[in-house]
Amino acid sequence: MRIGADGSFRLWENDIIRGAKAVAVDGDTIVLFGGYGDRSHRVALLKLGERQAELIREFDLAHPSVSAVRSTFGRGAKIHLVTEATWVSFSVSDVLAITAKP
C-alpha cells in the first residue's frame, strides 16, 4: 500500500511472495527480502502494475554473512541486513543490475 501526503492510498496485490521481512521501493519497482522456512534469504524483484505486483525475478541471496542475519529492514530504495559483526545493504537498482545480466 502507498499512502500519499493527502491521505489518498493505492493498494497492490501480491499472490506469489509470502513472508517478506523487508521491502525497498524505487518508483514502481520493489524488492522484497525474506520469506517463510527455506525462503528466508529470498530476494524478489517486482514491478507494480495498476492493481497487481508482477514478479520479475527471484533468487536466494548467497552470501556468508546472510546466514547470521539478526535484523532485516527496508528503508527507501534499500534493504539492510544486520549481523553481529556486519551490515550489508543493497538497493533496488543493485537487484535490477544483477537481474539484467544474462
PDB file of N, CA and C in Angstrom:
ATOM      1  N   MET A   1       0.840  -1.162   0.000  1.00  0.00           N
ATOM      2  CA  MET A   1       0.000   0.000   0.000  1.00  0.00           C
ATOM      3  C   MET A   1       0.895   1.237   0.000  1.00  0.00           C
ATOM      4  N   ARG A   2       0.524   2.209  -0.788  1.00  0.00           N
ATOM      5  CA  ARG A   2       1.205   3.507  -0.784  1.00  0.00           C
ATOM      6  C   ARG A   2       0.207   4.544  -0.290  1.00  0.00           C
ATOM      7  N   ILE A   3       0.586   5.291   0.737  1.00  0.00           N
ATOM      8  CA  ILE A   3      -0.262   6.333   1.293  1.00  0.00           C
ATOM      9  C   ILE A   3       0.347   7.677   0.946  1.00  0.00           C
ATOM     10  N   GLY A   4      -0.427   8.521   0.274  1.00  0.00           N
ATOM     11  CA  GLY A   4       0.043   9.837  -0.136  1.00  0.00           C
ATOM     12  C   GLY A   4      -0.036  10.840   1.002  1.00  0.00           C
ATOM     13  N   ALA A   5       0.639  11.969   0.836  1.00  0.00           N
ATOM     14  CA  ALA A   5       0.635  13.029   1.851  1.00  0.00           C
ATOM     15  C   ALA A   5      -0.772  13.561   2.098  1.00  0.00           C
ATOM     16  N   ASP A   6      -1.638  13.463   1.090  1.00  0.00           N
ATOM     17  CA  ASP A   6      -3.013  13.952   1.225  1.00  0.00           C
ATOM     18  C   ASP A   6      -3.950  12.903   1.826  1.00  0.00           C
ATOM     19  N   GLY A   7      -3.400  11.748   2.207  1.00  0.00           N
ATOM     20  CA  GLY A   7      -4.203  10.690   2.802  1.00  0.00           C
ATOM     21  C   GLY A   7      -4.754   9.699   1.783  1.00  0.00           C
ATOM     22  N   SER A   8      -4.553   9.957   0.507  1.00  0.00           N
ATOM     23  CA  SER A   8      -5.009   9.005  -0.506  1.00  0.00           C
ATOM     24  C   SER A   8      -4.140   7.751  -0.434  1.00  0.00           C
ATOM     25  N   PHE A   9      -4.664   6.644  -0.912  1.00  0.00           N
ATOM     26  CA  PHE A   9      -3.877   5.423  -0.875  1.00  0.00           C
ATOM     27  C   PHE A   9      -4.109   4.603  -2.134  1.00  0.00           C
ATOM     28  N   ARG A  10      -3.140   3.751  -2.385  1.00  0.00           N
ATOM     29  CA  ARG A  10      -3.196   2.829  -3.520  1.00  0.00           C
ATOM     30  C   ARG A  10      -2.726   1.471  -3.016  1.00  0.00           C
ATOM     31  N   LEU A  11      -3.399   0.431  -3.459  1.00  0.00           N
ATOM     32  CA  LEU A  11      -3.135  -0.915  -2.962  1.00  0.00           C
ATOM     33  C   LEU A  11      -2.806  -1.848  -4.117  1.00  0.00           C
ATOM     34  N   TRP A  12      -1.776  -2.688  -3.921  1.00  0.00           N
ATOM     35  CA  TRP A  12      -1.399  -3.706  -4.896  1.00  0.00           C
ATOM     36  C   TRP A  12      -1.528  -5.071  -4.244  1.00  0.00           C
ATOM     37  N   GLU A  13      -1.914  -6.057  -5.035  1.00  0.00           N
ATOM     38  CA  GLU A  13      -1.998  -7.426  -4.548  1.00  0.00           C
ATOM     39  C   GLU A  13      -0.784  -8.214  -5.012  1.00  0.00           C
ATOM     40  N   ASN A  14      -0.371  -9.127  -4.157  1.00  0.00           N
ATOM     41  CA  ASN A  14       0.766  -9.990  -4.450  1.00  0.00           C
ATOM     42  C   ASN A  14       0.396 -11.385  -3.966  1.00  0.00           C
ATOM     43  N   ASP A  15       0.073 -12.256  -4.892  1.00  0.00           N
ATOM     44  CA  ASP A  15      -0.344 -13.619  -4.538  1.00  0.00           C
ATOM     45  C   ASP A  15       0.800 -14.623  -4.606  1.00  0.00           C
ATOM     46  N   ILE A  16       2.022 -14.146  -4.870  1.00  0.00           N
ATOM     47  CA  ILE A  16       3.146 -15.053  -5.098  1.00  0.00           C
ATOM     48  C   ILE A  16       4.116 -15.080  -3.919  1.00  0.00           C
ATOM     49  N   ILE A  17       4.553 -13.924  -3.460  1.00  0.00           N
ATOM     50  CA  ILE A  17       5.584 -13.821  -2.431  1.00  0.00           C
ATOM     51  C   ILE A  17       4.924 -13.708  -1.057  1.00  0.00           C
ATOM     52  N   ARG A  18       5.291 -14.607  -0.154  1.00  0.00           N
ATOM     53  CA  ARG A  18       4.742 -14.621   1.209  1.00  0.00           C
ATOM     54  C   ARG A  18       5.871 -14.506   2.225  1.00  0.00           C
ATOM     55  N   GLY A  19       5.613 -13.816   3.327  1.00  0.00           N
ATOM     56  CA  GLY A  19       6.530 -13.792   4.453  1.00  0.00           C
ATOM     57  C   GLY A  19       7.729 -12.872   4.324  1.00  0.00           C
ATOM     58  N   ALA A  20       7.675 -11.905   3.415  1.00  0.00           N
ATOM     59  CA  ALA A  20       8.809 -10.988   3.268  1.00  0.00           C
ATOM     60  C   ALA A  20       9.036 -10.227   4.563  1.00  0.00           C
ATOM     61  N   LYS A  21      10.304 -10.035   4.909  1.00  0.00           N
ATOM     62  CA  LYS A  21      10.673  -9.325   6.138  1.00  0.00           C
ATOM     63  C   LYS A  21      11.020  -7.859   5.889  1.00  0.00           C
ATOM     64  N   ALA A  22      11.333  -7.518   4.627  1.00  0.00           N
ATOM     65  CA  ALA A  22      11.711  -6.136   4.317  1.00  0.00           C
ATOM     66  C   ALA A  22      11.304  -5.809   2.890  1.00  0.00           C
ATOM     67  N   VAL A  23      11.010  -4.536   2.660  1.00  0.00           N
ATOM     68  CA  VAL A  23      10.642  -4.059   1.332  1.00  0.00           C
ATOM     69  C   VAL A  23      11.430  -2.795   1.020  1.00  0.00           C
ATOM     70  N   ALA A  24      11.878  -2.682  -0.229  1.00  0.00           N
ATOM     71  CA  ALA A  24      12.545  -1.480  -0.725  1.00  0.00           C
ATOM     72  C   ALA A  24      11.792  -1.047  -1.984  1.00  0.00           C
ATOM     73  N   VAL A  25      11.635   0.259  -2.157  1.00  0.00           N
ATOM     74  CA  VAL A  25      10.833   0.787  -3.262  1.00  0.00           C
ATOM     75  C   VAL A  25      11.615   1.844  -4.017  1.00  0.00           C
ATOM     76  N   ASP A  26      11.567   1.748  -5.351  1.00  0.00           N
ATOM     77  CA  ASP A  26      12.153   2.764  -6.221  1.00  0.00           C
ATOM     78  C   ASP A  26      11.179   2.969  -7.376  1.00  0.00           C
ATOM     79  N   GLY A  27      10.356   3.993  -7.275  1.00  0.00           N
ATOM     80  CA  GLY A  27       9.324   4.236  -8.283  1.00  0.00           C
ATOM     81  C   GLY A  27       8.301   3.120  -8.276  1.00  0.00           C
ATOM     82  N   ASP A  28       8.133   2.448  -9.415  1.00  0.00           N
ATOM     83  CA  ASP A  28       7.175   1.347  -9.495  1.00  0.00           C
ATOM     84  C   ASP A  28       7.858  -0.019  -9.456  1.00  0.00           C
ATOM     85  N   THR A  29       9.111  -0.037  -8.999  1.00  0.00           N
ATOM     86  CA  THR A  29       9.855  -1.288  -8.851  1.00  0.00           C
ATOM     87  C   THR A  29      10.120  -1.517  -7.370  1.00  0.00           C
ATOM     88  N   ILE A  30       9.881  -2.742  -6.906  1.00  0.00           N
ATOM     89  CA  ILE A  30      10.100  -3.053  -5.494  1.00  0.00           C
ATOM     90  C   ILE A  30      10.936  -4.320  -5.345  1.00  0.00           C
ATOM     91  N   VAL A  31      11.611  -4.415  -4.220  1.00  0.00           N
ATOM     92  CA  VAL A  31      12.340  -5.616  -3.846  1.00  0.00           C
ATOM     93  C   VAL A  31      11.814  -6.065  -2.494  1.00  0.00           C
ATOM     94  N   LEU A  32      11.477  -7.332  -2.405  1.00  0.00           N
ATOM     95  CA  LEU A  32      11.081  -7.947  -1.146  1.00  0.00           C
ATOM     96  C   LEU A  32      12.189  -8.898  -0.728  1.00  0.00           C
ATOM     97  N   PHE A  33      12.523  -8.892   0.565  1.00  0.00           N
ATOM     98  CA  PHE A  33      13.549  -9.803   1.072  1.00  0.00           C
ATOM     99  C   PHE A  33      12.949 -10.692   2.147  1.00  0.00           C
ATOM    100  N   GLY A  34      13.283 -11.978   2.059  1.00  0.00           N
ATOM    101  CA  GLY A  34      12.876 -12.924   3.094  1.00  0.00           C
ATOM    102  C   GLY A  34      11.653 -13.721   2.699  1.00  0.00           C
ATOM    103  N   GLY A  35      11.285 -14.615   3.592  1.00  0.00           N
ATOM    104  CA  GLY A  35      10.138 -15.481   3.380  1.00  0.00           C
ATOM    105  C   GLY A  35      10.088 -16.529   4.468  1.00  0.00           C
ATOM    106  N   TYR A  36       9.165 -17.435   4.337  1.00  0.00           N
ATOM    107  CA  TYR A  36       8.993 -18.484   5.328  1.00  0.00           C
ATOM    108  C   TYR A  36       9.927 -19.662   5.060  1.00  0.00           C
ATOM    109  N   GLY A  37      10.380 -20.308   6.131  1.00  0.00           N
ATOM    110  CA  GLY A  37      11.159 -21.538   6.025  1.00  0.00           C
ATOM    111  C   GLY A  37      12.417 -21.392   5.200  1.00  0.00           C
ATOM    112  N   ASP A  38      12.550 -22.248   4.181  1.00  0.00           N
ATOM    113  CA  ASP A  38      13.763 -22.243   3.364  1.00  0.00           C
ATOM    114  C   ASP A  38      13.848 -21.041   2.421  1.00  0.00           C
ATOM    115  N   ARG A  39      12.863 -20.163   2.447  1.00  0.00           N
ATOM    116  CA  ARG A  39      12.871 -18.958   1.610  1.00  0.00           C
ATOM    117  C   ARG A  39      13.323 -17.721   2.393  1.00  0.00           C
ATOM    118  N   SER A  40      13.941 -17.921   3.548  1.00  0.00           N
ATOM    119  CA  SER A  40      14.315 -16.796   4.419  1.00  0.00           C
ATOM    120  C   SER A  40      15.364 -15.864   3.816  1.00  0.00           C
ATOM    121  N   HIS A  41      16.070 -16.305   2.765  1.00  0.00           N
ATOM    122  CA  HIS A  41      17.084 -15.465   2.123  1.00  0.00           C
ATOM    123  C   HIS A  41      16.692 -15.092   0.693  1.00  0.00           C
ATOM    124  N   ARG A  42      15.401 -15.160   0.401  1.00  0.00           N
ATOM    125  CA  ARG A  42      14.901 -14.864  -0.946  1.00  0.00           C
ATOM    126  C   ARG A  42      14.928 -13.360  -1.221  1.00  0.00           C
ATOM    127  N   VAL A  43      15.310 -13.018  -2.443  1.00  0.00           N
ATOM    128  CA  VAL A  43      15.214 -11.657  -2.959  1.00  0.00           C
ATOM    129  C   VAL A  43      14.240 -11.734  -4.128  1.00  0.00           C
ATOM    130  N   ALA A  44      13.175 -10.940  -4.080  1.00  0.00           N
ATOM    131  CA  ALA A  44      12.178 -10.942  -5.147  1.00  0.00           C
ATOM    132  C   ALA A  44      12.064  -9.535  -5.718  1.00  0.00           C
ATOM    133  N   LEU A  45      12.165  -9.428  -7.032  1.00  0.00           N
ATOM    134  CA  LEU A  45      12.026  -8.166  -7.751  1.00  0.00           C
ATOM    135  C   LEU A  45      10.642  -8.147  -8.379  1.00  0.00           C
ATOM    136  N   LEU A  46       9.882  -7.091  -8.091  1.00  0.00           N
ATOM    137  CA  LEU A  46       8.525  -6.983  -8.615  1.00  0.00           C
ATOM    138  C   LEU A  46       8.306  -5.615  -9.262  1.00  0.00           C
ATOM    139  N   LYS A  47       7.406  -5.584 -10.221  1.00  0.00           N
ATOM    140  CA  LYS A  47       7.016  -4.343 -10.890  1.00  0.00           C
ATOM    141  C   LYS A  47       5.560  -4.078 -10.531  1.00  0.00           C
ATOM    142  N   LEU A  48       5.278  -2.868 -10.058  1.00  0.00           N
ATOM    143  CA  LEU A  48       3.916  -2.522  -9.677  1.00  0.00           C
ATOM    144  C   LEU A  48       3.110  -2.139 -10.912  1.00  0.00           C
ATOM    145  N   GLY A  49       2.004  -2.840 -11.113  1.00  0.00           N
ATOM    146  CA  GLY A  49       1.073  -2.525 -12.191  1.00  0.00           C
ATOM    147  C   GLY A  49      -0.072  -1.699 -11.642  1.00  0.00           C
ATOM    148  N   GLU A  50      -1.196  -1.753 -12.319  1.00  0.00           N
ATOM    149  CA  GLU A  50      -2.369  -0.989 -11.887  1.00  0.00           C
ATOM    150  C   GLU A  50      -2.883  -1.456 -10.525  1.00  0.00           C
ATOM    151  N   ARG A  51      -3.030  -2.782 -10.375  1.00  0.00           N
ATOM    152  CA  ARG A  51      -3.520  -3.337  -9.113  1.00  0.00           C
ATOM    153  C   ARG A  51      -2.734  -4.548  -8.633  1.00  0.00           C
ATOM    154  N   GLN A  52      -1.872  -5.068  -9.470  1.00  0.00           N
ATOM    155  CA  GLN A  52      -1.094  -6.254  -9.137  1.00  0.00           C
ATOM    156  C   GLN A  52       0.390  -5.916  -9.103  1.00  0.00           C
ATOM    157  N   ALA A  53       1.127  -6.666  -8.314  1.00  0.00           N
ATOM    158  CA  ALA A  53       2.587  -6.597  -8.305  1.00  0.00           C
ATOM    159  C   ALA A  53       3.076  -7.817  -9.081  1.00  0.00           C
ATOM    160  N   GLU A  54       3.708  -7.584 -10.231  1.00  0.00           N
ATOM    161  CA  GLU A  54       4.156  -8.668 -11.102  1.00  0.00           C
ATOM    162  C   GLU A  54       5.577  -9.090 -10.735  1.00  0.00           C
ATOM    163  N   LEU A  55       5.765 -10.378 -10.511  1.00  0.00           N
ATOM    164  CA  LEU A  55       7.088 -10.913 -10.199  1.00  0.00           C
ATOM    165  C   LEU A  55       7.948 -10.900 -11.452  1.00  0.00           C
ATOM    166  N   ILE A  56       9.103 -10.240 -11.369  1.00  0.00           N
ATOM    167  CA  ILE A  56      10.053 -10.185 -12.478  1.00  0.00           C
ATOM    168  C   ILE A  56      11.073 -11.316 -12.334  1.00  0.00           C
ATOM    169  N   ARG A  57      11.623 -11.439 -11.137  1.00  0.00           N
ATOM    170  CA  ARG A  57      12.623 -12.481 -10.882  1.00  0.00           C
ATOM    171  C   ARG A  57      12.783 -12.671  -9.385  1.00  0.00           C
ATOM    172  N   GLU A  58      13.168 -13.856  -8.984  1.00  0.00           N
ATOM    173  CA  GLU A  58      13.504 -14.108  -7.582  1.00  0.00           C
ATOM    174  C   GLU A  58      14.708 -15.030  -7.518  1.00  0.00           C
ATOM    175  N   PHE A  59      15.488 -14.878  -6.456  1.00  0.00           N
ATOM    176  CA  PHE A  59      16.662 -15.715  -6.239  1.00  0.00           C
ATOM    177  C   PHE A  59      17.001 -15.694  -4.765  1.00  0.00           C
ATOM    178  N   ASP A  60      17.811 -16.661  -4.335  1.00  0.00           N
ATOM    179  CA  ASP A  60      18.284 -16.689  -2.954  1.00  0.00           C
ATOM    180  C   ASP A  60      19.586 -15.915  -2.877  1.00  0.00           C
ATOM    181  N   LEU A  61      19.731 -15.121  -1.844  1.00  0.00           N
ATOM    182  CA  LEU A  61      20.947 -14.343  -1.639  1.00  0.00           C
ATOM    183  C   LEU A  61      21.994 -15.259  -1.012  1.00  0.00           C
ATOM    184  N   ALA A  62      22.996 -15.590  -1.779  1.00  0.00           N
ATOM    185  CA  ALA A  62      24.054 -16.491  -1.313  1.00  0.00           C
ATOM    186  C   ALA A  62      25.258 -15.661  -0.900  1.00  0.00           C
ATOM    187  N   HIS A  63      25.327 -15.374   0.380  1.00  0.00           N
ATOM    188  CA  HIS A  63      26.446 -14.601   0.928  1.00  0.00           C
ATOM    189  C   HIS A  63      26.692 -15.121   2.336  1.00  0.00           C
ATOM    190  N   PRO A  64      27.941 -15.371   2.718  1.00  0.00           N
ATOM    191  CA  PRO A  64      28.215 -15.942   4.039  1.00  0.00           C
ATOM    192  C   PRO A  64      27.596 -15.163   5.200  1.00  0.00           C
ATOM    193  N   SER A  65      27.566 -13.849   5.116  1.00  0.00           N
ATOM    194  CA  SER A  65      27.044 -13.054   6.234  1.00  0.00           C
ATOM    195  C   SER A  65      25.528 -13.143   6.354  1.00  0.00           C
ATOM    196  N   VAL A  66      24.839 -13.564   5.312  1.00  0.00           N
ATOM    197  CA  VAL A  66      23.380 -13.628   5.344  1.00  0.00           C
ATOM    198  C   VAL A  66      22.881 -14.710   6.287  1.00  0.00           C
ATOM    199  N   SER A  67      23.631 -15.775   6.457  1.00  0.00           N
ATOM    200  CA  SER A  67      23.177 -16.866   7.316  1.00  0.00           C
ATOM    201  C   SER A  67      23.064 -16.452   8.775  1.00  0.00           C
ATOM    202  N   ALA A  68      23.750 -15.399   9.187  1.00  0.00           N
ATOM    203  CA  ALA A  68      23.729 -14.955  10.584  1.00  0.00           C
ATOM    204  C   ALA A  68      22.959 -13.640  10.769  1.00  0.00           C
ATOM    205  N   VAL A  69      22.017 -13.352   9.891  1.00  0.00           N
ATOM    206  CA  VAL A  69      21.264 -12.096   9.975  1.00  0.00           C
ATOM    207  C   VAL A  69      20.450 -12.046  11.258  1.00  0.00           C
ATOM    208  N   ARG A  70      20.606 -10.939  11.988  1.00  0.00           N
ATOM    209  CA  ARG A  70      19.841 -10.739  13.232  1.00  0.00           C
ATOM    210  C   ARG A  70      18.713  -9.746  13.043  1.00  0.00           C
ATOM    211  N   SER A  71      18.886  -8.831  12.090  1.00  0.00           N
ATOM    212  CA  SER A  71      17.869  -7.811  11.847  1.00  0.00           C
ATOM    213  C   SER A  71      17.801  -7.520  10.349  1.00  0.00           C
ATOM    214  N   THR A  72      16.597  -7.368   9.852  1.00  0.00           N
ATOM    215  CA  THR A  72      16.365  -7.074   8.442  1.00  0.00           C
ATOM    216  C   THR A  72      15.355  -5.945   8.356  1.00  0.00           C
ATOM    217  N   PHE A  73      15.656  -4.943   7.529  1.00  0.00           N
ATOM    218  CA  PHE A  73      14.678  -3.878   7.334  1.00  0.00           C
ATOM    219  C   PHE A  73      14.901  -3.188   6.001  1.00  0.00           C
ATOM    220  N   GLY A  74      13.859  -2.555   5.520  1.00  0.00           N
ATOM    221  CA  GLY A  74      13.935  -1.772   4.297  1.00  0.00           C
ATOM    222  C   GLY A  74      13.699  -0.318   4.617  1.00  0.00           C
ATOM    223  N   ARG A  75      14.408   0.532   3.907  1.00  0.00           N
ATOM    224  CA  ARG A  75      14.218   1.972   4.085  1.00  0.00           C
ATOM    225  C   ARG A  75      14.435   2.621   2.726  1.00  0.00           C
ATOM    226  N   GLY A  76      13.400   3.242   2.199  1.00  0.00           N
ATOM    227  CA  GLY A  76      13.503   3.840   0.881  1.00  0.00           C
ATOM    228  C   GLY A  76      13.768   2.776  -0.162  1.00  0.00           C
ATOM    229  N   ALA A  77      14.814   2.958  -0.931  1.00  0.00           N
ATOM    230  CA  ALA A  77      15.154   2.037  -2.020  1.00  0.00           C
ATOM    231  C   ALA A  77      16.186   0.994  -1.607  1.00  0.00           C
ATOM    232  N   LYS A  78      16.431   0.823  -0.298  1.00  0.00           N
ATOM    233  CA  LYS A  78      17.463  -0.122   0.155  1.00  0.00           C
ATOM    234  C   LYS A  78      16.927  -1.137   1.152  1.00  0.00           C
ATOM    235  N   ILE A  79      17.520  -2.329   1.070  1.00  0.00           N
ATOM    236  CA  ILE A  79      17.309  -3.391   2.054  1.00  0.00           C
ATOM    237  C   ILE A  79      18.579  -3.452   2.905  1.00  0.00           C
ATOM    238  N   HIS A  80      18.411  -3.577   4.215  1.00  0.00           N
ATOM    239  CA  HIS A  80      19.542  -3.648   5.136  1.00  0.00           C
ATOM    240  C   HIS A  80      19.470  -4.966   5.907  1.00  0.00           C
ATOM    241  N   LEU A  81      20.611  -5.654   5.978  1.00  0.00           N
ATOM    242  CA  LEU A  81      20.743  -6.904   6.720  1.00  0.00           C
ATOM    243  C   LEU A  81      21.851  -6.713   7.751  1.00  0.00           C
ATOM    244  N   VAL A  82      21.525  -6.903   9.017  1.00  0.00           N
ATOM    245  CA  VAL A  82      22.485  -6.659  10.085  1.00  0.00           C
ATOM    246  C   VAL A  82      22.782  -7.967  10.815  1.00  0.00           C
ATOM    247  N   THR A  83      24.075  -8.267  10.934  1.00  0.00           N
ATOM    248  CA  THR A  83      24.520  -9.425  11.711  1.00  0.00           C
ATOM    249  C   THR A  83      25.241  -8.899  12.953  1.00  0.00           C
ATOM    250  N   GLU A  84      25.823  -9.780  13.709  1.00  0.00           N
ATOM    251  CA  GLU A  84      26.563  -9.350  14.891  1.00  0.00           C
ATOM    252  C   GLU A  84      27.774  -8.500  14.508  1.00  0.00           C
ATOM    253  N   ALA A  85      28.396  -8.809  13.373  1.00  0.00           N
ATOM    254  CA  ALA A  85      29.640  -8.135  13.003  1.00  0.00           C
ATOM    255  C   ALA A  85      29.570  -7.309  11.725  1.00  0.00           C
ATOM    256  N   THR A  86      28.520  -7.462  10.935  1.00  0.00           N
ATOM    257  CA  THR A  86      28.470  -6.746   9.654  1.00  0.00           C
ATOM    258  C   THR A  86      27.100  -6.132   9.391  1.00  0.00           C
ATOM    259  N   TRP A  87      27.115  -5.185   8.475  1.00  0.00           N
ATOM    260  CA  TRP A  87      25.892  -4.548   7.999  1.00  0.00           C
ATOM    261  C   TRP A  87      25.978  -4.575   6.487  1.00  0.00           C
ATOM    262  N   VAL A  88      25.081  -5.321   5.852  1.00  0.00           N
ATOM    263  CA  VAL A  88      25.047  -5.446   4.400  1.00  0.00           C
ATOM    264  C   VAL A  88      23.822  -4.709   3.896  1.00  0.00           C
ATOM    265  N   SER A  89      23.986  -3.902   2.860  1.00  0.00           N
ATOM    266  CA  SER A  89      22.825  -3.260   2.257  1.00  0.00           C
ATOM    267  C   SER A  89      22.916  -3.366   0.746  1.00  0.00           C
ATOM    268  N   PHE A  90      21.754  -3.406   0.128  1.00  0.00           N
ATOM    269  CA  PHE A  90      21.674  -3.403  -1.328  1.00  0.00           C
ATOM    270  C   PHE A  90      20.413  -2.662  -1.737  1.00  0.00           C
ATOM    271  N   SER A  91      20.442  -2.103  -2.931  1.00  0.00           N
ATOM    272  CA  SER A  91      19.335  -1.265  -3.390  1.00  0.00           C
ATOM    273  C   SER A  91      18.528  -1.947  -4.488  1.00  0.00           C
ATOM    274  N   VAL A  92      17.405  -1.358  -4.791  1.00  0.00           N
ATOM    275  CA  VAL A  92      16.583  -1.837  -5.890  1.00  0.00           C
ATOM    276  C   VAL A  92      17.401  -1.809  -7.181  1.00  0.00           C
ATOM    277  N   SER A  93      18.179  -0.743  -7.395  1.00  0.00           N
ATOM    278  CA  SER A  93      18.987  -0.662  -8.617  1.00  0.00           C
ATOM    279  C   SER A  93      20.072  -1.740  -8.645  1.00  0.00           C
ATOM    280  N   ASP A  94      20.610  -2.142  -7.495  1.00  0.00           N
ATOM    281  CA  ASP A  94      21.567  -3.253  -7.442  1.00  0.00           C
ATOM    282  C   ASP A  94      20.916  -4.538  -7.947  1.00  0.00           C
ATOM    283  N   VAL A  95      19.696  -4.801  -7.477  1.00  0.00           N
ATOM    284  CA  VAL A  95      18.988  -6.017  -7.879  1.00  0.00           C
ATOM    285  C   VAL A  95      18.618  -5.950  -9.353  1.00  0.00           C
ATOM    286  N   LEU A  96      18.225  -4.776  -9.830  1.00  0.00           N
ATOM    287  CA  LEU A  96      17.942  -4.623 -11.265  1.00  0.00           C
ATOM    288  C   LEU A  96      19.184  -4.926 -12.102  1.00  0.00           C
ATOM    289  N   ALA A  97      20.331  -4.455 -11.667  1.00  0.00           N
ATOM    290  CA  ALA A  97      21.572  -4.696 -12.397  1.00  0.00           C
ATOM    291  C   ALA A  97      21.931  -6.183 -12.427  1.00  0.00           C
ATOM    292  N   ILE A  98      21.718  -6.867 -11.309  1.00  0.00           N
ATOM    293  CA  ILE A  98      22.003  -8.306 -11.237  1.00  0.00           C
ATOM    294  C   ILE A  98      21.068  -9.074 -12.157  1.00  0.00           C
ATOM    295  N   THR A  99      19.798  -8.726 -12.140  1.00  0.00           N
ATOM    296  CA  THR A  99      18.818  -9.472 -12.938  1.00  0.00           C
ATOM    297  C   THR A  99      18.936  -9.170 -14.423  1.00  0.00           C
ATOM    298  N   ALA A 100      19.578  -8.071 -14.783  1.00  0.00           N
ATOM    299  CA  ALA A 100      19.750  -7.726 -16.201  1.00  0.00           C
ATOM    300  C   ALA A 100      20.867  -8.532 -16.851  1.00  0.00           C
ATOM    301  N   LYS A 101      21.744  -9.118 -16.038  1.00  0.00           N
ATOM    302  CA  LYS A 101      22.841  -9.916 -16.579  1.00  0.00           C
ATOM    303  C   LYS A 101      22.301 -11.242 -17.117  1.00  0.00           C
ATOM    304  N   PRO A 102      22.836 -11.698 -18.284  1.00  0.00           N
ATOM    305  CA  PRO A 102      22.347 -12.966 -18.860  1.00  0.00           C
ATOM    306  C   PRO A 102      22.741 -14.173 -18.044  1.00  0.00           C
TER     307      PRO A 102
END
